[in-house]
Amino acid sequence: MRRRCPWGAPSAVPPDGTAPFFLVAERSIPGLIIVDGKGQCFVNEAAPYHEFVDAMYAHREKT
């Protein structure tokens, strides 16, 4: 079975609702913790992009 693999990159929407931005260099900052809107960790920040994006989609489906 062929796995569907969406193209994507980790991104964030600022609290003020302005345009989302990609988390590229930010992921390399030592001590960075990425959380959802409720402040919960849901992914290893050091994961490869495709695993990170898969985790974002999976987490969104759970909430």
PDB file of N, CA and C in Angstrom:
ATOM      1  N   MET A   1       0.839  -1.174   0.000  1.00  0.00           N
ATOM      2  CA  MET A   1       0.000   0.000   0.000  1.00  0.00           C
ATOM      3  C   MET A   1       0.887   1.241   0.000  1.00  0.00           C
ATOM      4  N   ARG A   2       0.569   2.164  -0.843  1.00  0.00           N
ATOM      5  CA  ARG A   2       1.338   3.393  -0.935  1.00  0.00           C
ATOM      6  C   ARG A   2       0.865   4.375   0.128  1.00  0.00           C
ATOM      7  N   ARG A   3       1.804   4.929   0.849  1.00  0.00           N
ATOM      8  CA  ARG A   3       1.477   5.886   1.903  1.00  0.00           C
ATOM      9  C   ARG A   3       1.329   7.282   1.335  1.00  0.00           C
ATOM     10  N   ARG A   4       0.277   7.956   1.714  1.00  0.00           N
ATOM     11  CA  ARG A   4       0.111   9.350   1.309  1.00  0.00           C
ATOM     12  C   ARG A   4       1.023  10.210   2.151  1.00  0.00           C
ATOM     13  N   CYS A   5       1.726  11.101   1.537  1.00  0.00           N
ATOM     14  CA  CYS A   5       2.661  11.947   2.255  1.00  0.00           C
ATOM     15  C   CYS A   5       2.429  13.403   1.854  1.00  0.00           C
ATOM     16  N   PRO A   6       1.797  14.174   2.717  1.00  0.00           N
ATOM     17  CA  PRO A   6       1.560  15.580   2.367  1.00  0.00           C
ATOM     18  C   PRO A   6       2.866  16.358   2.390  1.00  0.00           C
ATOM     19  N   TRP A   7       2.935  17.377   1.576  1.00  0.00           N
ATOM     20  CA  TRP A   7       4.073  18.277   1.645  1.00  0.00           C
ATOM     21  C   TRP A   7       3.739  19.302   2.705  1.00  0.00           C
ATOM     22  N   GLY A   8       4.670  19.608   3.537  1.00  0.00           N
ATOM     23  CA  GLY A   8       4.406  20.611   4.553  1.00  0.00           C
ATOM     24  C   GLY A   8       5.650  20.955   5.317  1.00  0.00           C
ATOM     25  N   ALA A   9       5.519  21.969   6.109  1.00  0.00           N
ATOM     26  CA  ALA A   9       6.602  22.386   6.985  1.00  0.00           C
ATOM     27  C   ALA A   9       5.969  22.880   8.278  1.00  0.00           C
ATOM     28  N   PRO A  10       6.649  22.697   9.396  1.00  0.00           N
ATOM     29  CA  PRO A  10       6.114  23.206  10.643  1.00  0.00           C
ATOM     30  C   PRO A  10       5.898  24.713  10.533  1.00  0.00           C
ATOM     31  N   SER A  11       4.766  25.179  10.984  1.00  0.00           N
ATOM     32  CA  SER A  11       4.479  26.607  10.934  1.00  0.00           C
ATOM     33  C   SER A  11       3.682  27.006  12.166  1.00  0.00           C
ATOM     34  N   ALA A  12       3.609  28.296  12.388  1.00  0.00           N
ATOM     35  CA  ALA A  12       2.893  28.819  13.548  1.00  0.00           C
ATOM     36  C   ALA A  12       2.111  30.054  13.148  1.00  0.00           C
ATOM     37  N   VAL A  13       0.988  30.250  13.808  1.00  0.00           N
ATOM     38  CA  VAL A  13       0.185  31.460  13.619  1.00  0.00           C
ATOM     39  C   VAL A  13       0.339  32.291  14.888  1.00  0.00           C
ATOM     40  N   PRO A  14       0.813  33.524  14.759  1.00  0.00           N
ATOM     41  CA  PRO A  14       0.969  34.374  15.937  1.00  0.00           C
ATOM     42  C   PRO A  14      -0.380  34.629  16.619  1.00  0.00           C
ATOM     43  N   PRO A  15      -0.375  34.877  17.923  1.00  0.00           N
ATOM     44  CA  PRO A  15      -1.629  35.117  18.648  1.00  0.00           C
ATOM     45  C   PRO A  15      -2.454  36.276  18.093  1.00  0.00           C
ATOM     46  N   ASP A  16      -1.797  37.231  17.431  1.00  0.00           N
ATOM     47  CA  ASP A  16      -2.552  38.370  16.897  1.00  0.00           C
ATOM     48  C   ASP A  16      -3.252  38.042  15.578  1.00  0.00           C
ATOM     49  N   GLY A  17      -3.088  36.789  15.093  1.00  0.00           N
ATOM     50  CA  GLY A  17      -3.799  36.355  13.893  1.00  0.00           C
ATOM     51  C   GLY A  17      -3.157  36.767  12.586  1.00  0.00           C
ATOM     52  N   THR A  18      -1.947  37.337  12.633  1.00  0.00           N
ATOM     53  CA  THR A  18      -1.275  37.700  11.388  1.00  0.00           C
ATOM     54  C   THR A  18      -0.880  36.432  10.638  1.00  0.00           C
ATOM     55  N   ALA A  19      -0.296  36.601   9.490  1.00  0.00           N
ATOM     56  CA  ALA A  19       0.039  35.473   8.623  1.00  0.00           C
ATOM     57  C   ALA A  19       0.940  34.454   9.307  1.00  0.00           C
ATOM     58  N   PRO A  20       0.699  33.172   9.045  1.00  0.00           N
ATOM     59  CA  PRO A  20       1.564  32.136   9.619  1.00  0.00           C
ATOM     60  C   PRO A  20       2.989  32.247   9.077  1.00  0.00           C
ATOM     61  N   PHE A  21       3.940  31.706   9.824  1.00  0.00           N
ATOM     62  CA  PHE A  21       5.320  31.702   9.358  1.00  0.00           C
ATOM     63  C   PHE A  21       5.906  30.320   9.574  1.00  0.00           C
ATOM     64  N   PHE A  22       6.837  29.947   8.710  1.00  0.00           N
ATOM     65  CA  PHE A  22       7.487  28.650   8.795  1.00  0.00           C
ATOM     66  C   PHE A  22       8.504  28.629   9.928  1.00  0.00           C
ATOM     67  N   LEU A  23       8.571  27.510  10.633  1.00  0.00           N
ATOM     68  CA  LEU A  23       9.570  27.317  11.684  1.00  0.00           C
ATOM     69  C   LEU A  23      10.759  26.597  11.055  1.00  0.00           C
ATOM     70  N   VAL A  24      11.690  27.355  10.551  1.00  0.00           N
ATOM     71  CA  VAL A  24      12.861  26.772   9.904  1.00  0.00           C
ATOM     72  C   VAL A  24      14.047  26.888  10.858  1.00  0.00           C
ATOM     73  N   ALA A  25      14.619  28.072  10.947  1.00  0.00           N
ATOM     74  CA  ALA A  25      15.771  28.275  11.829  1.00  0.00           C
ATOM     75  C   ALA A  25      15.366  28.129  13.290  1.00  0.00           C
ATOM     76  N   GLU A  26      14.126  28.452  13.614  1.00  0.00           N
ATOM     77  CA  GLU A  26      13.669  28.382  15.006  1.00  0.00           C
ATOM     78  C   GLU A  26      13.822  26.990  15.598  1.00  0.00           C
ATOM     79  N   ARG A  27      13.689  25.955  14.785  1.00  0.00           N
ATOM     80  CA  ARG A  27      13.789  24.580  15.290  1.00  0.00           C
ATOM     81  C   ARG A  27      15.195  24.239  15.757  1.00  0.00           C
ATOM     82  N   SER A  28      16.183  25.036  15.378  1.00  0.00           N
ATOM     83  CA  SER A  28      17.559  24.739  15.777  1.00  0.00           C
ATOM     84  C   SER A  28      17.972  25.482  17.046  1.00  0.00           C
ATOM     85  N   ILE A  29      17.092  26.269  17.628  1.00  0.00           N
ATOM     86  CA  ILE A  29      17.421  27.019  18.839  1.00  0.00           C
ATOM     87  C   ILE A  29      17.493  26.053  20.026  1.00  0.00           C
ATOM     88  N   PRO A  30      18.603  26.033  20.739  1.00  0.00           N
ATOM     89  CA  PRO A  30      18.718  25.133  21.894  1.00  0.00           C
ATOM     90  C   PRO A  30      17.617  25.410  22.920  1.00  0.00           C
ATOM     91  N   GLY A  31      17.001  24.347  23.417  1.00  0.00           N
ATOM     92  CA  GLY A  31      15.966  24.478  24.438  1.00  0.00           C
ATOM     93  C   GLY A  31      14.582  24.804  23.907  1.00  0.00           C
ATOM     94  N   LEU A  32      14.429  24.886  22.590  1.00  0.00           N
ATOM     95  CA  LEU A  32      13.119  25.209  22.004  1.00  0.00           C
ATOM     96  C   LEU A  32      12.112  24.110  22.330  1.00  0.00           C
ATOM     97  N   ILE A  33      10.921  24.506  22.745  1.00  0.00           N
ATOM     98  CA  ILE A  33       9.831  23.572  22.991  1.00  0.00           C
ATOM     99  C   ILE A  33       8.646  24.041  22.152  1.00  0.00           C
ATOM    100  N   ILE A  34       8.118  23.151  21.348  1.00  0.00           N
ATOM    101  CA  ILE A  34       6.961  23.482  20.512  1.00  0.00           C
ATOM    102  C   ILE A  34       5.723  22.886  21.157  1.00  0.00           C
ATOM    103  N   VAL A  35       4.709  23.725  21.340  1.00  0.00           N
ATOM    104  CA  VAL A  35       3.469  23.301  21.988  1.00  0.00           C
ATOM    105  C   VAL A  35       2.278  23.678  21.115  1.00  0.00           C
ATOM    106  N   ASP A  36       1.125  23.065  21.421  1.00  0.00           N
ATOM    107  CA  ASP A  36      -0.095  23.427  20.712  1.00  0.00           C
ATOM    108  C   ASP A  36      -0.727  24.649  21.376  1.00  0.00           C
ATOM    109  N   GLY A  37      -1.902  25.016  20.942  1.00  0.00           N
ATOM    110  CA  GLY A  37      -2.590  26.187  21.476  1.00  0.00           C
ATOM    111  C   GLY A  37      -2.950  26.085  22.940  1.00  0.00           C
ATOM    112  N   LYS A  38      -2.932  24.868  23.492  1.00  0.00           N
ATOM    113  CA  LYS A  38      -3.235  24.658  24.912  1.00  0.00           C
ATOM    114  C   LYS A  38      -1.960  24.546  25.745  1.00  0.00           C
ATOM    115  N   GLY A  39      -0.806  24.729  25.099  1.00  0.00           N
ATOM    116  CA  GLY A  39       0.464  24.650  25.810  1.00  0.00           C
ATOM    117  C   GLY A  39       0.976  23.237  26.026  1.00  0.00           C
ATOM    118  N   GLN A  40       0.444  22.264  25.274  1.00  0.00           N
ATOM    119  CA  GLN A  40       0.853  20.867  25.423  1.00  0.00           C
ATOM    120  C   GLN A  40       1.889  20.475  24.371  1.00  0.00           C
ATOM    121  N   CYS A  41       2.954  19.803  24.822  1.00  0.00           N
ATOM    122  CA  CYS A  41       3.935  19.257  23.881  1.00  0.00           C
ATOM    123  C   CYS A  41       3.301  18.072  23.155  1.00  0.00           C
ATOM    124  N   PHE A  42       3.603  17.914  21.883  1.00  0.00           N
ATOM    125  CA  PHE A  42       3.023  16.808  21.128  1.00  0.00           C
ATOM    126  C   PHE A  42       3.979  16.180  20.132  1.00  0.00           C
ATOM    127  N   VAL A  43       5.207  16.696  20.042  1.00  0.00           N
ATOM    128  CA  VAL A  43       6.156  16.189  19.055  1.00  0.00           C
ATOM    129  C   VAL A  43       7.580  16.468  19.521  1.00  0.00           C
ATOM    130  N   ASN A  44       8.492  15.625  19.063  1.00  0.00           N
ATOM    131  CA  ASN A  44       9.912  15.861  19.312  1.00  0.00           C
ATOM    132  C   ASN A  44      10.353  16.958  18.344  1.00  0.00           C
ATOM    133  N   GLU A  45      10.793  18.064  18.879  1.00  0.00           N
ATOM    134  CA  GLU A  45      11.162  19.212  18.042  1.00  0.00           C
ATOM    135  C   GLU A  45      12.298  18.904  17.079  1.00  0.00           C
ATOM    136  N   ALA A  46      13.097  17.888  17.371  1.00  0.00           N
ATOM    137  CA  ALA A  46      14.230  17.534  16.515  1.00  0.00           C
ATOM    138  C   ALA A  46      13.861  16.529  15.426  1.00  0.00           C
ATOM    139  N   ALA A  47      12.603  16.142  15.359  1.00  0.00           N
ATOM    140  CA  ALA A  47      12.177  15.156  14.356  1.00  0.00           C
ATOM    141  C   ALA A  47      12.367  15.704  12.937  1.00  0.00           C
ATOM    142  N   PRO A  48      12.623  14.828  11.967  1.00  0.00           N
ATOM    143  CA  PRO A  48      12.702  15.271  10.570  1.00  0.00           C
ATOM    144  C   PRO A  48      11.385  15.934  10.147  1.00  0.00           C
ATOM    145  N   TYR A  49      11.446  16.805   9.162  1.00  0.00           N
ATOM    146  CA  TYR A  49      10.261  17.562   8.736  1.00  0.00           C
ATOM    147  C   TYR A  49       9.054  16.665   8.468  1.00  0.00           C
ATOM    148  N   HIS A  50       9.225  15.574   7.719  1.00  0.00           N
ATOM    149  CA  HIS A  50       8.052  14.763   7.376  1.00  0.00           C
ATOM    150  C   HIS A  50       7.428  14.137   8.621  1.00  0.00           C
ATOM    151  N   GLU A  51       8.250  13.722   9.591  1.00  0.00           N
ATOM    152  CA  GLU A  51       7.701  13.171  10.828  1.00  0.00           C
ATOM    153  C   GLU A  51       7.041  14.262  11.656  1.00  0.00           C
ATOM    154  N   PHE A  52       7.633  15.436  11.660  1.00  0.00           N
ATOM    155  CA  PHE A  52       7.079  16.565  12.404  1.00  0.00           C
ATOM    156  C   PHE A  52       5.700  16.925  11.855  1.00  0.00           C
ATOM    157  N   VAL A  53       5.603  17.027  10.541  1.00  0.00           N
ATOM    158  CA  VAL A  53       4.320  17.382   9.919  1.00  0.00           C
ATOM    159  C   VAL A  53       3.289  16.277  10.145  1.00  0.00           C
ATOM    160  N   ASP A  54       3.697  15.016  10.030  1.00  0.00           N
ATOM    161  CA  ASP A  54       2.774  13.912  10.320  1.00  0.00           C
ATOM    162  C   ASP A  54       2.245  14.025  11.747  1.00  0.00           C
ATOM    163  N   ALA A  55       3.126  14.362  12.703  1.00  0.00           N
ATOM    164  CA  ALA A  55       2.720  14.504  14.103  1.00  0.00           C
ATOM    165  C   ALA A  55       1.756  15.673  14.274  1.00  0.00           C
ATOM    166  N   MET A  56       1.978  16.775  13.527  1.00  0.00           N
ATOM    167  CA  MET A  56       1.057  17.905  13.604  1.00  0.00           C
ATOM    168  C   MET A  56      -0.335  17.505  13.152  1.00  0.00           C
ATOM    169  N   TYR A  57      -0.419  16.798  12.013  1.00  0.00           N
ATOM    170  CA  TYR A  57      -1.725  16.361  11.511  1.00  0.00           C
ATOM    171  C   TYR A  57      -2.380  15.372  12.468  1.00  0.00           C
ATOM    172  N   ALA A  58      -1.608  14.425  12.982  1.00  0.00           N
ATOM    173  CA  ALA A  58      -2.163  13.425  13.896  1.00  0.00           C
ATOM    174  C   ALA A  58      -2.677  14.083  15.176  1.00  0.00           C
ATOM    175  N   HIS A  59      -1.924  15.046  15.684  1.00  0.00           N
ATOM    176  CA  HIS A  59      -2.334  15.732  16.909  1.00  0.00           C
ATOM    177  C   HIS A  59      -3.612  16.550  16.665  1.00  0.00           C
ATOM    178  N   ARG A  60      -3.670  17.198  15.534  1.00  0.00           N
ATOM    179  CA  ARG A  60      -4.858  17.999  15.215  1.00  0.00           C
ATOM    180  C   ARG A  60      -6.105  17.119  15.139  1.00  0.00           C
ATOM    181  N   GLU A  61      -5.978  15.917  14.608  1.00  0.00           N
ATOM    182  CA  GLU A  61      -7.122  15.003  14.493  1.00  0.00           C
ATOM    183  C   GLU A  61      -7.609  14.540  15.866  1.00  0.00           C
ATOM    184  N   LYS A  62      -6.691  14.480  16.850  1.00  0.00           N
ATOM    185  CA  LYS A  62      -7.065  14.043  18.202  1.00  0.00           C
ATOM    186  C   LYS A  62      -7.813  15.132  18.962  1.00  0.00           C
ATOM    187  N   THR A  63      -7.585  16.391  18.614  1.00  0.00           N
ATOM    188  CA  THR A  63      -8.191  17.497  19.379  1.00  0.00           C
ATOM    189  C   THR A  63      -9.494  17.947  18.795  1.00  0.00           C
TER     190      THR A  63
END
